[in-house]
Amino acid sequence: MRVVFRRCLFLLVLVCVLVPGQLLADPAPELSPSSINSFDSLFMYPYSEPLSVTSDITQYLSLLTPAVLSFTAPPSDWVEISVLYATSALMSFGTRTALKHAIERNRPYMYDLDPLPSNSEELLADGTDSFPSGHSIMAFTGAAFTQSLFSLKYADSPYRKAATITAWSLAGATAVLRVASGNHFVTDVLAGAAIGSFYGFVVPYLAWKFLPSWQGDRLSVAVGPTTAVMNITF
């Protein structure tokens, strides 16, 4: 789990190195594509409403993937799981909101709004909220939380593999669609993926580490005719 945290932090630092001027300065007044860093400029696309709507759907589905835990967790665990997931989601959403208010970055579609789509007023009002990708943050929160709970508390569940693969696939699809629909640059979704994954992992990990109700999952005892073995996982 510590390796995951380090990778998320490294990814955030990498993103900030790639786009320092665009993250800390006001949006370029002329909105010239030449002002975009060379990495992001490789994946700039015009706005696509169908792809944007599809990314909404995959985001919501990814957020719902922890519900699979209800098939493997006893009812006595449901309230605790709900509280932990709500904590992860609120921390992710709070970080998303704070960063979008603090950082102005034009969305890719702002560089190409000719002809104007039917919902152009809404797009223009939201045009400087590119960083980070809120859809990616929330989708990866759901995916990371799902994997963490299965790995830490329900490792023997028959649903573990399918749920984990589905959760990460939906989160990845959301990130790709946000870029392909012209809503975000690649660095926006990379930052969103790192933030969402961090909160999705850290909350279950801290619960596993410190909550008394989880301590039994770290203690196993094997008793034989002549021996007794105790194993504690840290």
Protein backbone atom coordinates (compact mmCIF):
# COMPACT_ATOMS: atom_id res chain seq x y z
CA MET A 1 0.00 0.00 0.00
CA ARG A 2 2.88 2.37 0.75
CA VAL A 3 4.16 1.86 -2.78
CA VAL A 4 0.79 2.99 -4.14
CA PHE A 5 0.91 6.19 -2.06
CA ARG A 6 4.38 7.00 -3.33
CA ARG A 7 3.36 6.43 -6.94
CA CYS A 8 0.34 8.72 -6.56
CA LEU A 9 2.48 11.47 -5.06
CA PHE A 10 5.11 11.02 -7.78
CA LEU A 11 2.42 11.31 -10.45
CA LEU A 12 1.13 14.57 -8.95
CA VAL A 13 4.65 16.02 -8.88
CA LEU A 14 5.22 14.94 -12.48
CA VAL A 15 2.02 16.66 -13.62
CA CYS A 16 3.01 19.90 -11.87
CA VAL A 17 6.40 19.78 -13.59
CA LEU A 18 4.82 19.28 -17.00
CA VAL A 19 2.39 22.19 -16.78
CA PRO A 20 3.75 24.71 -14.25
CA GLY A 21 2.95 27.87 -16.18
CA GLN A 22 -0.59 26.83 -17.01
CA LEU A 23 -1.39 25.76 -13.47
CA LEU A 24 -0.07 28.82 -11.67
CA ALA A 25 -0.84 31.57 -14.14
CA ASP A 26 -4.04 33.00 -15.62
CA PRO A 27 -5.32 31.35 -18.82
CA ALA A 28 -3.66 32.60 -21.99
CA PRO A 29 -5.76 35.48 -23.36
CA GLU A 30 -5.42 34.42 -27.00
CA LEU A 31 -6.01 30.72 -26.36
CA SER A 32 -3.42 29.63 -28.84
CA PRO A 33 -2.80 25.86 -29.05
CA SER A 34 0.90 26.69 -29.29
CA SER A 35 0.78 27.74 -25.62
CA ILE A 36 0.01 24.15 -24.57
CA ASN A 37 2.92 21.98 -23.46
CA SER A 38 4.13 19.49 -26.04
CA PHE A 39 2.84 16.45 -24.13
CA ASP A 40 -0.73 17.68 -23.73
CA SER A 41 -0.86 19.09 -27.24
CA LEU A 42 -0.51 15.57 -28.64
CA PHE A 43 -3.94 14.64 -27.26
CA MET A 44 -6.16 17.67 -27.85
CA TYR A 45 -9.60 16.95 -29.27
CA PRO A 46 -12.68 19.04 -30.12
CA TYR A 47 -15.71 18.80 -27.89
CA SER A 48 -17.89 15.70 -28.31
CA GLU A 49 -21.19 15.65 -26.47
CA PRO A 50 -21.79 11.87 -26.94
CA LEU A 51 -18.37 11.03 -25.49
CA SER A 52 -18.88 13.54 -22.68
CA VAL A 53 -22.21 11.97 -21.73
CA THR A 54 -20.65 8.50 -21.88
CA SER A 55 -17.93 9.65 -19.48
CA ASP A 56 -20.66 10.76 -17.06
CA ILE A 57 -22.12 7.24 -17.17
CA THR A 58 -18.79 5.46 -16.63
CA GLN A 59 -17.98 7.80 -13.74
CA TYR A 60 -21.24 7.00 -11.96
CA LEU A 61 -20.81 3.28 -12.57
CA SER A 62 -17.29 3.44 -11.16
CA LEU A 63 -18.56 5.26 -8.10
CA LEU A 64 -21.09 2.46 -7.58
CA THR A 65 -18.58 -0.40 -7.77
CA PRO A 66 -18.06 -0.53 -3.96
CA ALA A 67 -21.70 -1.66 -3.77
CA VAL A 68 -20.42 -5.09 -4.85
CA LEU A 69 -19.06 -5.40 -1.31
CA SER A 70 -22.64 -5.90 -0.11
CA PHE A 71 -22.54 -9.37 -1.69
CA THR A 72 -19.55 -10.46 0.35
CA ALA A 73 -19.54 -8.31 3.51
CA PRO A 74 -21.86 -9.28 6.38
CA PRO A 75 -24.68 -6.78 7.07
CA SER A 76 -22.93 -5.81 10.30
CA ASP A 77 -20.11 -4.29 8.19
CA TRP A 78 -22.30 -2.25 5.86
CA VAL A 79 -22.54 0.89 7.98
CA GLU A 80 -18.80 0.98 8.59
CA ILE A 81 -18.05 0.48 4.88
CA SER A 82 -20.52 3.24 3.98
CA VAL A 83 -18.90 5.66 6.41
CA LEU A 84 -15.42 4.86 5.11
CA TYR A 85 -16.49 5.27 1.48
CA ALA A 86 -18.30 8.52 2.24
CA THR A 87 -15.10 9.78 3.88
CA SER A 88 -13.01 8.88 0.82
CA ALA A 89 -15.53 10.43 -1.56
CA LEU A 90 -15.88 13.64 0.47
CA MET A 91 -12.12 14.08 0.72
CA SER A 92 -11.77 13.53 -3.01
CA PHE A 93 -14.61 15.91 -3.85
CA GLY A 94 -13.27 18.53 -1.45
CA THR A 95 -9.82 18.38 -3.02
CA ARG A 96 -11.36 18.56 -6.49
CA THR A 97 -13.40 21.64 -5.59
CA ALA A 98 -10.51 23.42 -3.87
CA LEU A 99 -8.11 22.86 -6.77
CA LYS A 100 -10.62 23.94 -9.41
CA HIS A 101 -11.22 27.18 -7.49
CA ALA A 102 -7.50 27.78 -6.96
CA ILE A 103 -6.28 26.87 -10.46
CA GLU A 104 -7.57 28.25 -13.72
CA ARG A 105 -6.79 26.26 -16.82
CA ASN A 106 -8.71 26.36 -20.08
CA ARG A 107 -10.26 23.13 -21.23
CA PRO A 108 -9.12 21.78 -24.62
CA TYR A 109 -12.47 22.58 -26.25
CA MET A 110 -11.92 26.27 -25.46
CA TYR A 111 -9.31 26.30 -28.20
CA ASP A 112 -11.81 25.07 -30.77
CA LEU A 113 -15.45 26.12 -30.30
CA ASP A 114 -16.30 26.67 -33.95
CA PRO A 115 -19.05 25.82 -34.61
CA LEU A 116 -20.50 26.35 -31.16
CA PRO A 117 -22.33 23.30 -29.76
CA SER A 118 -25.91 23.56 -28.51
CA ASN A 119 -24.82 23.81 -24.87
CA SER A 120 -22.11 26.39 -25.55
CA GLU A 121 -23.15 28.69 -22.69
CA GLU A 122 -22.65 25.93 -20.15
CA LEU A 123 -19.35 24.94 -21.74
CA LEU A 124 -18.05 28.51 -21.69
CA ALA A 125 -19.05 28.97 -18.04
CA ASP A 126 -17.11 25.82 -17.16
CA GLY A 127 -14.30 26.51 -19.60
CA THR A 128 -11.54 27.36 -17.13
CA ASP A 129 -12.07 24.40 -14.79
CA SER A 130 -9.88 21.92 -16.63
CA PHE A 131 -7.48 21.04 -13.80
CA PRO A 132 -7.86 18.55 -12.30
CA SER A 133 -10.36 16.18 -13.86
CA GLY A 134 -13.17 15.80 -11.35
CA HIS A 135 -14.62 12.82 -13.20
CA SER A 136 -11.27 11.02 -12.96
CA ILE A 137 -10.91 11.86 -9.27
CA MET A 138 -14.27 10.39 -8.35
CA ALA A 139 -14.00 7.37 -10.67
CA PHE A 140 -10.58 6.40 -9.35
CA THR A 141 -11.74 6.93 -5.78
CA GLY A 142 -14.38 4.26 -6.33
CA ALA A 143 -11.94 1.89 -8.02
CA ALA A 144 -9.19 2.27 -5.41
CA PHE A 145 -11.64 1.93 -2.53
CA THR A 146 -13.12 -1.23 -4.02
CA GLN A 147 -9.73 -2.88 -4.46
CA SER A 148 -8.56 -1.78 -1.01
CA LEU A 149 -11.55 -3.22 0.82
CA PHE A 150 -11.35 -6.52 -1.02
CA SER A 151 -7.58 -6.76 -0.46
CA LEU A 152 -7.54 -5.76 3.20
CA LYS A 153 -10.77 -7.23 4.56
CA TYR A 154 -12.38 -9.60 2.07
CA ALA A 155 -9.42 -11.16 0.31
CA ASP A 156 -11.13 -14.56 0.04
CA SER A 157 -14.25 -13.24 -1.66
CA PRO A 158 -15.12 -14.89 -5.00
CA TYR A 159 -16.12 -11.44 -6.29
CA ARG A 160 -12.74 -9.85 -5.62
CA LYS A 161 -11.10 -10.31 -9.01
CA ALA A 162 -14.13 -9.45 -11.14
CA ALA A 163 -15.04 -6.41 -9.05
CA THR A 164 -11.49 -5.07 -9.06
CA ILE A 165 -11.03 -5.47 -12.81
CA THR A 166 -14.42 -3.90 -13.52
CA ALA A 167 -13.78 -0.96 -11.19
CA TRP A 168 -10.41 -0.08 -12.69
CA SER A 169 -11.69 -0.60 -16.24
CA LEU A 170 -14.53 1.86 -15.66
CA ALA A 171 -12.17 4.38 -14.06
CA GLY A 172 -9.71 4.06 -16.93
CA ALA A 173 -12.50 4.41 -19.49
CA THR A 174 -13.69 7.57 -17.73
CA ALA A 175 -10.22 9.12 -17.94
CA VAL A 176 -9.84 8.24 -21.62
CA LEU A 177 -13.31 9.58 -22.46
CA ARG A 178 -12.65 12.88 -20.65
CA VAL A 179 -9.67 13.42 -22.94
CA ALA A 180 -11.34 12.14 -26.10
CA SER A 181 -14.41 14.31 -25.50
CA GLY A 182 -12.30 17.48 -25.41
CA ASN A 183 -13.05 18.18 -21.75
CA HIS A 184 -9.56 17.60 -20.38
CA PHE A 185 -5.88 17.36 -21.13
CA VAL A 186 -4.01 14.16 -20.32
CA THR A 187 -2.27 15.83 -17.36
CA ASP A 188 -5.68 16.77 -15.94
CA VAL A 189 -6.82 13.15 -15.84
CA LEU A 190 -3.43 11.89 -14.60
CA ALA A 191 -3.67 14.27 -11.66
CA GLY A 192 -7.28 13.27 -11.08
CA ALA A 193 -6.36 9.58 -11.15
CA ALA A 194 -3.57 10.13 -8.61
CA ILE A 195 -5.77 12.15 -6.24
CA GLY A 196 -8.70 9.75 -6.43
CA SER A 197 -6.51 6.67 -6.03
CA PHE A 198 -4.77 8.20 -3.03
CA TYR A 199 -7.97 8.87 -1.09
CA GLY A 200 -9.49 5.59 -2.21
CA PHE A 201 -6.51 3.72 -0.77
CA VAL A 202 -5.59 5.79 2.27
CA VAL A 203 -8.94 5.75 4.09
CA PRO A 204 -9.37 1.93 4.07
CA TYR A 205 -5.69 1.50 4.89
CA LEU A 206 -5.91 3.75 7.95
CA ALA A 207 -9.06 1.93 9.05
CA TRP A 208 -7.29 -1.41 8.67
CA LYS A 209 -4.31 -0.06 10.59
CA PHE A 210 -6.05 1.64 13.50
CA LEU A 211 -9.74 0.73 13.90
CA PRO A 212 -10.32 -1.88 16.64
CA SER A 213 -13.04 -3.56 14.58
CA TRP A 214 -10.46 -4.39 11.89
CA GLN A 215 -7.80 -5.84 14.15
CA GLY A 216 -9.24 -9.34 13.91
CA ASP A 217 -8.45 -9.34 10.18
CA ARG A 218 -4.77 -8.98 10.99
CA LEU A 219 -4.69 -11.84 13.50
CA SER A 220 -4.90 -15.50 12.56
CA VAL A 221 -4.44 -18.49 14.83
CA ALA A 222 -3.77 -22.07 13.72
CA VAL A 223 -4.15 -24.78 16.34
CA GLY A 224 -2.95 -28.37 15.84
CA PRO A 225 -2.74 -31.46 18.04
CA THR A 226 0.61 -30.43 19.47
CA THR A 227 1.20 -26.84 18.30
CA ALA A 228 -0.43 -23.45 18.13
CA VAL A 229 0.70 -20.80 15.65
CA MET A 230 -0.28 -17.14 15.71
CA ASN A 231 0.27 -14.80 12.75
CA ILE A 232 -0.15 -11.03 12.90
CA THR A 233 -0.13 -9.03 9.66
CA PHE A 234 1.23 -5.45 9.61
